[in-house]
Amino acid sequence: MTRAPAKRIERIEARLQPEKKARIQRAADIEGLSLSDFVVSKASAAAEDVIRAHEVMELNEHDSRLFVEALLNPPEPNENLRAAFRDYKEYFGK
């Protein structure tokens, strides 16, 4: 029977003013979590929010319709796009 390798645990440290630590500890106590678990859970949730905001684009109904229309009926390439394509082919030799 083989054992799965143990997951490595990393450490993070932070220095903060006593009143900030007390406020965070109070919030952790309210949620019934240790200070470490509270900080990790909130930092992880905040990290997911930041990543999602960076990676996901949300469009309103009007912009969604414009986007789909552009995909279904793309405009003809203009001179700038044709020039960029020529430069690409010249640079990459394709």
PDB file of N, CA and C in Angstrom:
ATOM      1  N   MET A   1       0.847  -1.186   0.000  1.00  0.00           N
ATOM      2  CA  MET A   1       0.000   0.000   0.000  1.00  0.00           C
ATOM      3  C   MET A   1       0.889   1.244   0.000  1.00  0.00           C
ATOM      4  N   THR A   2       0.734   2.086  -1.000  1.00  0.00           N
ATOM      5  CA  THR A   2       1.542   3.306  -1.083  1.00  0.00           C
ATOM      6  C   THR A   2       0.820   4.475  -0.455  1.00  0.00           C
ATOM      7  N   ARG A   3       1.592   5.293   0.197  1.00  0.00           N
ATOM      8  CA  ARG A   3       1.029   6.476   0.834  1.00  0.00           C
ATOM      9  C   ARG A   3       1.177   7.673  -0.087  1.00  0.00           C
ATOM     10  N   ALA A   4       0.178   8.499  -0.080  1.00  0.00           N
ATOM     11  CA  ALA A   4       0.257   9.737  -0.853  1.00  0.00           C
ATOM     12  C   ALA A   4       1.282  10.649  -0.191  1.00  0.00           C
ATOM     13  N   PRO A   5       2.074  11.337  -1.011  1.00  0.00           N
ATOM     14  CA  PRO A   5       3.063  12.242  -0.410  1.00  0.00           C
ATOM     15  C   PRO A   5       2.375  13.350   0.384  1.00  0.00           C
ATOM     16  N   ALA A   6       2.984  13.691   1.507  1.00  0.00           N
ATOM     17  CA  ALA A   6       2.428  14.744   2.358  1.00  0.00           C
ATOM     18  C   ALA A   6       2.505  16.087   1.642  1.00  0.00           C
ATOM     19  N   LYS A   7       1.462  16.867   1.774  1.00  0.00           N
ATOM     20  CA  LYS A   7       1.465  18.190   1.163  1.00  0.00           C
ATOM     21  C   LYS A   7       2.350  19.114   1.975  1.00  0.00           C
ATOM     22  N   ARG A   8       3.123  19.890   1.258  1.00  0.00           N
ATOM     23  CA  ARG A   8       4.020  20.817   1.923  1.00  0.00           C
ATOM     24  C   ARG A   8       3.230  22.001   2.449  1.00  0.00           C
ATOM     25  N   ILE A   9       3.503  22.394   3.646  1.00  0.00           N
ATOM     26  CA  ILE A   9       2.842  23.548   4.263  1.00  0.00           C
ATOM     27  C   ILE A   9       3.822  24.711   4.241  1.00  0.00           C
ATOM     28  N   GLU A  10       3.377  25.826   3.691  1.00  0.00           N
ATOM     29  CA  GLU A  10       4.206  27.029   3.630  1.00  0.00           C
ATOM     30  C   GLU A  10       3.822  27.973   4.768  1.00  0.00           C
ATOM     31  N   ARG A  11       4.723  28.838   5.111  1.00  0.00           N
ATOM     32  CA  ARG A  11       4.491  29.783   6.194  1.00  0.00           C
ATOM     33  C   ARG A  11       4.439  31.194   5.621  1.00  0.00           C
ATOM     34  N   ILE A  12       3.614  32.027   6.213  1.00  0.00           N
ATOM     35  CA  ILE A  12       3.553  33.443   5.856  1.00  0.00           C
ATOM     36  C   ILE A  12       3.560  34.232   7.160  1.00  0.00           C
ATOM     37  N   GLU A  13       4.242  35.354   7.156  1.00  0.00           N
ATOM     38  CA  GLU A  13       4.315  36.168   8.363  1.00  0.00           C
ATOM     39  C   GLU A  13       3.872  37.588   8.044  1.00  0.00           C
ATOM     40  N   ALA A  14       3.344  38.245   9.036  1.00  0.00           N
ATOM     41  CA  ALA A  14       2.945  39.641   8.876  1.00  0.00           C
ATOM     42  C   ALA A  14       3.149  40.360  10.199  1.00  0.00           C
ATOM     43  N   ARG A  15       3.585  41.570  10.104  1.00  0.00           N
ATOM     44  CA  ARG A  15       3.714  42.411  11.289  1.00  0.00           C
ATOM     45  C   ARG A  15       2.615  43.461  11.209  1.00  0.00           C
ATOM     46  N   LEU A  16       1.911  43.624  12.315  1.00  0.00           N
ATOM     47  CA  LEU A  16       0.842  44.611  12.309  1.00  0.00           C
ATOM     48  C   LEU A  16       0.703  45.250  13.673  1.00  0.00           C
ATOM     49  N   GLN A  17       0.034  46.372  13.682  1.00  0.00           N
ATOM     50  CA  GLN A  17      -0.166  47.111  14.915  1.00  0.00           C
ATOM     51  C   GLN A  17      -1.095  46.319  15.831  1.00  0.00           C
ATOM     52  N   PRO A  18      -0.885  46.439  17.146  1.00  0.00           N
ATOM     53  CA  PRO A  18      -1.684  45.664  18.106  1.00  0.00           C
ATOM     54  C   PRO A  18      -3.192  45.839  17.939  1.00  0.00           C
ATOM     55  N   GLU A  19      -3.639  47.065  17.637  1.00  0.00           N
ATOM     56  CA  GLU A  19      -5.090  47.259  17.495  1.00  0.00           C
ATOM     57  C   GLU A  19      -5.641  46.551  16.256  1.00  0.00           C
ATOM     58  N   LYS A  20      -4.840  46.460  15.200  1.00  0.00           N
ATOM     59  CA  LYS A  20      -5.282  45.717  14.015  1.00  0.00           C
ATOM     60  C   LYS A  20      -5.342  44.226  14.314  1.00  0.00           C
ATOM     61  N   LYS A  21      -4.331  43.726  15.023  1.00  0.00           N
ATOM     62  CA  LYS A  21      -4.340  42.304  15.391  1.00  0.00           C
ATOM     63  C   LYS A  21      -5.535  41.996  16.280  1.00  0.00           C
ATOM     64  N   ALA A  22      -5.827  42.879  17.216  1.00  0.00           N
ATOM     65  CA  ALA A  22      -6.966  42.668  18.120  1.00  0.00           C
ATOM     66  C   ALA A  22      -8.281  42.644  17.344  1.00  0.00           C
ATOM     67  N   ARG A  23      -8.416  43.533  16.351  1.00  0.00           N
ATOM     68  CA  ARG A  23      -9.633  43.570  15.544  1.00  0.00           C
ATOM     69  C   ARG A  23      -9.781  42.287  14.724  1.00  0.00           C
ATOM     70  N   ILE A  24      -8.664  41.832  14.141  1.00  0.00           N
ATOM     71  CA  ILE A  24      -8.706  40.592  13.355  1.00  0.00           C
ATOM     72  C   ILE A  24      -8.996  39.405  14.266  1.00  0.00           C
ATOM     73  N   GLN A  25      -8.389  39.386  15.447  1.00  0.00           N
ATOM     74  CA  GLN A  25      -8.642  38.299  16.393  1.00  0.00           C
ATOM     75  C   GLN A  25     -10.099  38.281  16.822  1.00  0.00           C
ATOM     76  N   ARG A  26     -10.677  39.457  17.033  1.00  0.00           N
ATOM     77  CA  ARG A  26     -12.091  39.534  17.416  1.00  0.00           C
ATOM     78  C   ARG A  26     -12.976  38.955  16.320  1.00  0.00           C
ATOM     79  N   ALA A  27     -12.685  39.310  15.078  1.00  0.00           N
ATOM     80  CA  ALA A  27     -13.463  38.772  13.951  1.00  0.00           C
ATOM     81  C   ALA A  27     -13.296  37.257  13.862  1.00  0.00           C
ATOM     82  N   ALA A  28     -12.079  36.775  14.056  1.00  0.00           N
ATOM     83  CA  ALA A  28     -11.838  35.330  14.031  1.00  0.00           C
ATOM     84  C   ALA A  28     -12.630  34.641  15.131  1.00  0.00           C
ATOM     85  N   ASP A  29     -12.634  35.226  16.326  1.00  0.00           N
ATOM     86  CA  ASP A  29     -13.399  34.672  17.445  1.00  0.00           C
ATOM     87  C   ASP A  29     -14.891  34.618  17.121  1.00  0.00           C
ATOM     88  N   ILE A  30     -15.400  35.671  16.508  1.00  0.00           N
ATOM     89  CA  ILE A  30     -16.820  35.711  16.151  1.00  0.00           C
ATOM     90  C   ILE A  30     -17.165  34.574  15.200  1.00  0.00           C
ATOM     91  N   GLU A  31     -16.256  34.297  14.252  1.00  0.00           N
ATOM     92  CA  GLU A  31     -16.505  33.225  13.287  1.00  0.00           C
ATOM     93  C   GLU A  31     -16.077  31.853  13.804  1.00  0.00           C
ATOM     94  N   GLY A  32     -15.531  31.814  15.024  1.00  0.00           N
ATOM     95  CA  GLY A  32     -15.136  30.533  15.608  1.00  0.00           C
ATOM     96  C   GLY A  32     -13.911  29.920  14.949  1.00  0.00           C
ATOM     97  N   LEU A  33     -13.022  30.767  14.463  1.00  0.00           N
ATOM     98  CA  LEU A  33     -11.808  30.299  13.797  1.00  0.00           C
ATOM     99  C   LEU A  33     -10.582  30.760  14.556  1.00  0.00           C
ATOM    100  N   SER A  34      -9.500  30.027  14.355  1.00  0.00           N
ATOM    101  CA  SER A  34      -8.235  30.515  14.894  1.00  0.00           C
ATOM    102  C   SER A  34      -7.823  31.738  14.092  1.00  0.00           C
ATOM    103  N   LEU A  35      -6.932  32.511  14.653  1.00  0.00           N
ATOM    104  CA  LEU A  35      -6.448  33.696  13.950  1.00  0.00           C
ATOM    105  C   LEU A  35      -5.849  33.297  12.598  1.00  0.00           C
ATOM    106  N   SER A  36      -5.023  32.269  12.592  1.00  0.00           N
ATOM    107  CA  SER A  36      -4.390  31.808  11.342  1.00  0.00           C
ATOM    108  C   SER A  36      -5.426  31.364  10.322  1.00  0.00           C
ATOM    109  N   ASP A  37      -6.396  30.533  10.749  1.00  0.00           N
ATOM    110  CA  ASP A  37      -7.414  30.057   9.817  1.00  0.00           C
ATOM    111  C   ASP A  37      -8.243  31.212   9.261  1.00  0.00           C
ATOM    112  N   PHE A  38      -8.558  32.177  10.112  1.00  0.00           N
ATOM    113  CA  PHE A  38      -9.333  33.337   9.666  1.00  0.00           C
ATOM    114  C   PHE A  38      -8.562  34.129   8.615  1.00  0.00           C
ATOM    115  N   VAL A  39      -7.301  34.433   8.907  1.00  0.00           N
ATOM    116  CA  VAL A  39      -6.487  35.225   7.984  1.00  0.00           C
ATOM    117  C   VAL A  39      -6.315  34.495   6.655  1.00  0.00           C
ATOM    118  N   VAL A  40      -6.030  33.204   6.715  1.00  0.00           N
ATOM    119  CA  VAL A  40      -5.828  32.434   5.488  1.00  0.00           C
ATOM    120  C   VAL A  40      -7.117  32.376   4.668  1.00  0.00           C
ATOM    121  N   SER A  41      -8.254  32.130   5.323  1.00  0.00           N
ATOM    122  CA  SER A  41      -9.510  32.023   4.574  1.00  0.00           C
ATOM    123  C   SER A  41      -9.881  33.359   3.930  1.00  0.00           C
ATOM    124  N   LYS A  42      -9.715  34.453   4.655  1.00  0.00           N
ATOM    125  CA  LYS A  42     -10.067  35.764   4.099  1.00  0.00           C
ATOM    126  C   LYS A  42      -9.087  36.191   3.015  1.00  0.00           C
ATOM    127  N   ALA A  43      -7.797  35.922   3.202  1.00  0.00           N
ATOM    128  CA  ALA A  43      -6.806  36.267   2.177  1.00  0.00           C
ATOM    129  C   ALA A  43      -7.027  35.431   0.922  1.00  0.00           C
ATOM    130  N   SER A  44      -7.357  34.165   1.104  1.00  0.00           N
ATOM    131  CA  SER A  44      -7.609  33.292  -0.047  1.00  0.00           C
ATOM    132  C   SER A  44      -8.836  33.752  -0.822  1.00  0.00           C
ATOM    133  N   ALA A  45      -9.901  34.109  -0.123  1.00  0.00           N
ATOM    134  CA  ALA A  45     -11.117  34.613  -0.786  1.00  0.00           C
ATOM    135  C   ALA A  45     -10.817  35.917  -1.522  1.00  0.00           C
ATOM    136  N   ALA A  46     -10.053  36.800  -0.904  1.00  0.00           N
ATOM    137  CA  ALA A  46      -9.702  38.065  -1.550  1.00  0.00           C
ATOM    138  C   ALA A  46      -8.837  37.813  -2.789  1.00  0.00           C
ATOM    139  N   ALA A  47      -7.929  36.845  -2.700  1.00  0.00           N
ATOM    140  CA  ALA A  47      -7.084  36.509  -3.844  1.00  0.00           C
ATOM    141  C   ALA A  47      -7.930  35.984  -4.999  1.00  0.00           C
ATOM    142  N   GLU A  48      -8.912  35.143  -4.708  1.00  0.00           N
ATOM    143  CA  GLU A  48      -9.805  34.639  -5.756  1.00  0.00           C
ATOM    144  C   GLU A  48     -10.574  35.779  -6.409  1.00  0.00           C
ATOM    145  N   ASP A  49     -11.042  36.737  -5.616  1.00  0.00           N
ATOM    146  CA  ASP A  49     -11.769  37.889  -6.164  1.00  0.00           C
ATOM    147  C   ASP A  49     -10.882  38.709  -7.103  1.00  0.00           C
ATOM    148  N   VAL A  50      -9.641  38.947  -6.693  1.00  0.00           N
ATOM    149  CA  VAL A  50      -8.715  39.735  -7.513  1.00  0.00           C
ATOM    150  C   VAL A  50      -8.421  39.008  -8.817  1.00  0.00           C
ATOM    151  N   ILE A  51      -8.162  37.705  -8.733  1.00  0.00           N
ATOM    152  CA  ILE A  51      -7.863  36.919  -9.930  1.00  0.00           C
ATOM    153  C   ILE A  51      -9.069  36.899 -10.857  1.00  0.00           C
ATOM    154  N   ARG A  52     -10.248  36.669 -10.312  1.00  0.00           N
ATOM    155  CA  ARG A  52     -11.471  36.632 -11.121  1.00  0.00           C
ATOM    156  C   ARG A  52     -11.697  37.983 -11.813  1.00  0.00           C
ATOM    157  N   ALA A  53     -11.488  39.076 -11.092  1.00  0.00           N
ATOM    158  CA  ALA A  53     -11.668  40.404 -11.682  1.00  0.00           C
ATOM    159  C   ALA A  53     -10.677  40.646 -12.808  1.00  0.00           C
ATOM    160  N   HIS A  54      -9.509  40.040 -12.702  1.00  0.00           N
ATOM    161  CA  HIS A  54      -8.488  40.211 -13.726  1.00  0.00           C
ATOM    162  C   HIS A  54      -8.733  39.318 -14.935  1.00  0.00           C
ATOM    163  N   GLU A  55      -9.269  38.125 -14.709  1.00  0.00           N
ATOM    164  CA  GLU A  55      -9.397  37.135 -15.774  1.00  0.00           C
ATOM    165  C   GLU A  55     -10.773  37.077 -16.426  1.00  0.00           C
ATOM    166  N   VAL A  56     -11.791  37.567 -15.761  1.00  0.00           N
ATOM    167  CA  VAL A  56     -13.151  37.439 -16.273  1.00  0.00           C
ATOM    168  C   VAL A  56     -13.674  38.806 -16.683  1.00  0.00           C
ATOM    169  N   MET A  57     -14.230  38.849 -17.882  1.00  0.00           N
ATOM    170  CA  MET A  57     -14.826  40.087 -18.355  1.00  0.00           C
ATOM    171  C   MET A  57     -16.340  39.888 -18.387  1.00  0.00           C
ATOM    172  N   GLU A  58     -17.052  40.740 -17.713  1.00  0.00           N
ATOM    173  CA  GLU A  58     -18.503  40.670 -17.720  1.00  0.00           C
ATOM    174  C   GLU A  58     -19.042  41.796 -18.588  1.00  0.00           C
ATOM    175  N   LEU A  59     -19.936  41.431 -19.484  1.00  0.00           N
ATOM    176  CA  LEU A  59     -20.522  42.409 -20.395  1.00  0.00           C
ATOM    177  C   LEU A  59     -21.994  42.609 -20.073  1.00  0.00           C
ATOM    178  N   ASN A  60     -22.440  43.837 -20.249  1.00  0.00           N
ATOM    179  CA  ASN A  60     -23.873  44.059 -20.112  1.00  0.00           C
ATOM    180  C   ASN A  60     -24.554  43.529 -21.375  1.00  0.00           C
ATOM    181  N   GLU A  61     -25.877  43.565 -21.412  1.00  0.00           N
ATOM    182  CA  GLU A  61     -26.608  42.977 -22.532  1.00  0.00           C
ATOM    183  C   GLU A  61     -26.233  43.628 -23.863  1.00  0.00           C
ATOM    184  N   HIS A  62     -26.131  44.935 -23.879  1.00  0.00           N
ATOM    185  CA  HIS A  62     -25.794  45.652 -25.118  1.00  0.00           C
ATOM    186  C   HIS A  62     -24.419  45.240 -25.633  1.00  0.00           C
ATOM    187  N   ASP A  63     -23.426  45.238 -24.752  1.00  0.00           N
ATOM    188  CA  ASP A  63     -22.070  44.870 -25.162  1.00  0.00           C
ATOM    189  C   ASP A  63     -21.982  43.399 -25.556  1.00  0.00           C
ATOM    190  N   SER A  64     -22.753  42.543 -24.895  1.00  0.00           N
ATOM    191  CA  SER A  64     -22.779  41.125 -25.261  1.00  0.00           C
ATOM    192  C   SER A  64     -23.289  40.962 -26.683  1.00  0.00           C
ATOM    193  N   ARG A  65     -24.340  41.689 -27.020  1.00  0.00           N
ATOM    194  CA  ARG A  65     -24.899  41.608 -28.382  1.00  0.00           C
ATOM    195  C   ARG A  65     -23.889  42.116 -29.420  1.00  0.00           C
ATOM    196  N   LEU A  66     -23.204  43.214 -29.112  1.00  0.00           N
ATOM    197  CA  LEU A  66     -22.189  43.731 -30.026  1.00  0.00           C
ATOM    198  C   LEU A  66     -21.062  42.726 -30.226  1.00  0.00           C
ATOM    199  N   PHE A  67     -20.637  42.091 -29.148  1.00  0.00           N
ATOM    200  CA  PHE A  67     -19.557  41.113 -29.219  1.00  0.00           C
ATOM    201  C   PHE A  67     -19.960  39.922 -30.092  1.00  0.00           C
ATOM    202  N   VAL A  68     -21.142  39.373 -29.851  1.00  0.00           N
ATOM    203  CA  VAL A  68     -21.616  38.226 -30.633  1.00  0.00           C
ATOM    204  C   VAL A  68     -21.782  38.626 -32.097  1.00  0.00           C
ATOM    205  N   GLU A  69     -22.294  39.803 -32.344  1.00  0.00           N
ATOM    206  CA  GLU A  69     -22.461  40.286 -33.721  1.00  0.00           C
ATOM    207  C   GLU A  69     -21.106  40.378 -34.420  1.00  0.00           C
ATOM    208  N   ALA A  70     -20.107  40.875 -33.725  1.00  0.00           N
ATOM    209  CA  ALA A  70     -18.762  40.973 -34.312  1.00  0.00           C
ATOM    210  C   ALA A  70     -18.181  39.594 -34.596  1.00  0.00           C
ATOM    211  N   LEU A  71     -18.478  38.614 -33.744  1.00  0.00           N
ATOM    212  CA  LEU A  71     -18.008  37.247 -33.998  1.00  0.00           C
ATOM    213  C   LEU A  71     -18.714  36.626 -35.198  1.00  0.00           C
ATOM    214  N   LEU A  72     -20.014  36.845 -35.275  1.00  0.00           N
ATOM    215  CA  LEU A  72     -20.793  36.238 -36.349  1.00  0.00           C
ATOM    216  C   LEU A  72     -20.595  36.946 -37.684  1.00  0.00           C
ATOM    217  N   ASN A  73     -20.376  38.255 -37.638  1.00  0.00           N
ATOM    218  CA  ASN A  73     -20.213  39.050 -38.856  1.00  0.00           C
ATOM    219  C   ASN A  73     -19.010  39.974 -38.700  1.00  0.00           C
ATOM    220  N   PRO A  74     -17.806  39.403 -38.751  1.00  0.00           N
ATOM    221  CA  PRO A  74     -16.628  40.245 -38.525  1.00  0.00           C
ATOM    222  C   PRO A  74     -16.448  41.267 -39.642  1.00  0.00           C
ATOM    223  N   PRO A  75     -15.952  42.445 -39.293  1.00  0.00           N
ATOM    224  CA  PRO A  75     -15.709  43.450 -40.329  1.00  0.00           C
ATOM    225  C   PRO A  75     -14.506  43.038 -41.190  1.00  0.00           C
ATOM    226  N   GLU A  76     -14.429  43.591 -42.378  1.00  0.00           N
ATOM    227  CA  GLU A  76     -13.274  43.343 -43.239  1.00  0.00           C
ATOM    228  C   GLU A  76     -12.041  43.949 -42.581  1.00  0.00           C
ATOM    229  N   PRO A  77     -10.874  43.316 -42.769  1.00  0.00           N
ATOM    230  CA  PRO A  77      -9.657  43.876 -42.168  1.00  0.00           C
ATOM    231  C   PRO A  77      -9.331  45.247 -42.780  1.00  0.00           C
ATOM    232  N   ASN A  78      -8.941  46.180 -41.920  1.00  0.00           N
ATOM    233  CA  ASN A  78      -8.549  47.497 -42.416  1.00  0.00           C
ATOM    234  C   ASN A  78      -7.047  47.493 -42.720  1.00  0.00           C
ATOM    235  N   GLU A  79      -6.539  48.608 -43.192  1.00  0.00           N
ATOM    236  CA  GLU A  79      -5.122  48.666 -43.587  1.00  0.00           C
ATOM    237  C   GLU A  79      -4.191  48.427 -42.405  1.00  0.00           C
ATOM    238  N   ASN A  80      -4.536  48.912 -41.223  1.00  0.00           N
ATOM    239  CA  ASN A  80      -3.686  48.680 -40.041  1.00  0.00           C
ATOM    240  C   ASN A  80      -3.570  47.187 -39.735  1.00  0.00           C
ATOM    241  N   LEU A  81      -4.666  46.471 -39.813  1.00  0.00           N
ATOM    242  CA  LEU A  81      -4.633  45.035 -39.544  1.00  0.00           C
ATOM    243  C   LEU A  81      -3.840  44.302 -40.626  1.00  0.00           C
ATOM    244  N   ARG A  82      -4.026  44.692 -41.878  1.00  0.00           N
ATOM    245  CA  ARG A  82      -3.265  44.053 -42.963  1.00  0.00           C
ATOM    246  C   ARG A  82      -1.770  44.311 -42.785  1.00  0.00           C
ATOM    247  N   ALA A  83      -1.409  45.524 -42.385  1.00  0.00           N
ATOM    248  CA  ALA A  83       0.005  45.856 -42.160  1.00  0.00           C
ATOM    249  C   ALA A  83       0.564  45.046 -40.996  1.00  0.00           C
ATOM    250  N   ALA A  84      -0.215  44.900 -39.947  1.00  0.00           N
ATOM    251  CA  ALA A  84       0.229  44.108 -38.798  1.00  0.00           C
ATOM    252  C   ALA A  84       0.440  42.660 -39.203  1.00  0.00           C
ATOM    253  N   PHE A  85      -0.424  42.130 -40.041  1.00  0.00           N
ATOM    254  CA  PHE A  85      -0.293  40.755 -40.499  1.00  0.00           C
ATOM    255  C   PHE A  85       0.954  40.597 -41.366  1.00  0.00           C
ATOM    256  N   ARG A  86       1.212  41.567 -42.253  1.00  0.00           N
ATOM    257  CA  ARG A  86       2.435  41.519 -43.071  1.00  0.00           C
ATOM    258  C   ARG A  86       3.673  41.555 -42.180  1.00  0.00           C
ATOM    259  N   ASP A  87       3.661  42.427 -41.166  1.00  0.00           N
ATOM    260  CA  ASP A  87       4.795  42.511 -40.237  1.00  0.00           C
ATOM    261  C   ASP A  87       4.989  41.191 -39.498  1.00  0.00           C
ATOM    262  N   TYR A  88       3.899  40.589 -39.091  1.00  0.00           N
ATOM    263  CA  TYR A  88       3.965  39.304 -38.387  1.00  0.00           C
ATOM    264  C   TYR A  88       4.607  38.252 -39.285  1.00  0.00           C
ATOM    265  N   LYS A  89       4.129  38.149 -40.525  1.00  0.00           N
ATOM    266  CA  LYS A  89       4.659  37.149 -41.453  1.00  0.00           C
ATOM    267  C   LYS A  89       6.139  37.399 -41.724  1.00  0.00           C
ATOM    268  N   GLU A  90       6.504  38.650 -41.859  1.00  0.00           N
ATOM    269  CA  GLU A  90       7.898  38.989 -42.123  1.00  0.00           C
ATOM    270  C   GLU A  90       8.788  38.642 -40.913  1.00  0.00           C
ATOM    271  N   TYR A  91       8.304  38.954 -39.736  1.00  0.00           N
ATOM    272  CA  TYR A  91       9.088  38.712 -38.518  1.00  0.00           C
ATOM    273  C   TYR A  91       9.211  37.232 -38.203  1.00  0.00           C
ATOM    274  N   PHE A  92       8.103  36.499 -38.328  1.00  0.00           N
ATOM    275  CA  PHE A  92       8.105  35.089 -37.967  1.00  0.00           C
ATOM    276  C   PHE A  92       8.312  34.169 -39.173  1.00  0.00           C
ATOM    277  N   GLY A  93       8.352  34.730 -40.363  1.00  0.00           N
ATOM    278  CA  GLY A  93       8.632  33.945 -41.551  1.00  0.00           C
ATOM    279  C   GLY A  93       7.568  32.923 -41.900  1.00  0.00           C
ATOM    280  N   LYS A  94       6.334  33.219 -41.641  1.00  0.00           N
ATOM    281  CA  LYS A  94       5.256  32.256 -41.933  1.00  0.00           C
ATOM    282  C   LYS A  94       4.363  32.767 -43.011  1.00  0.00           C
TER     283      LYS A  94
END
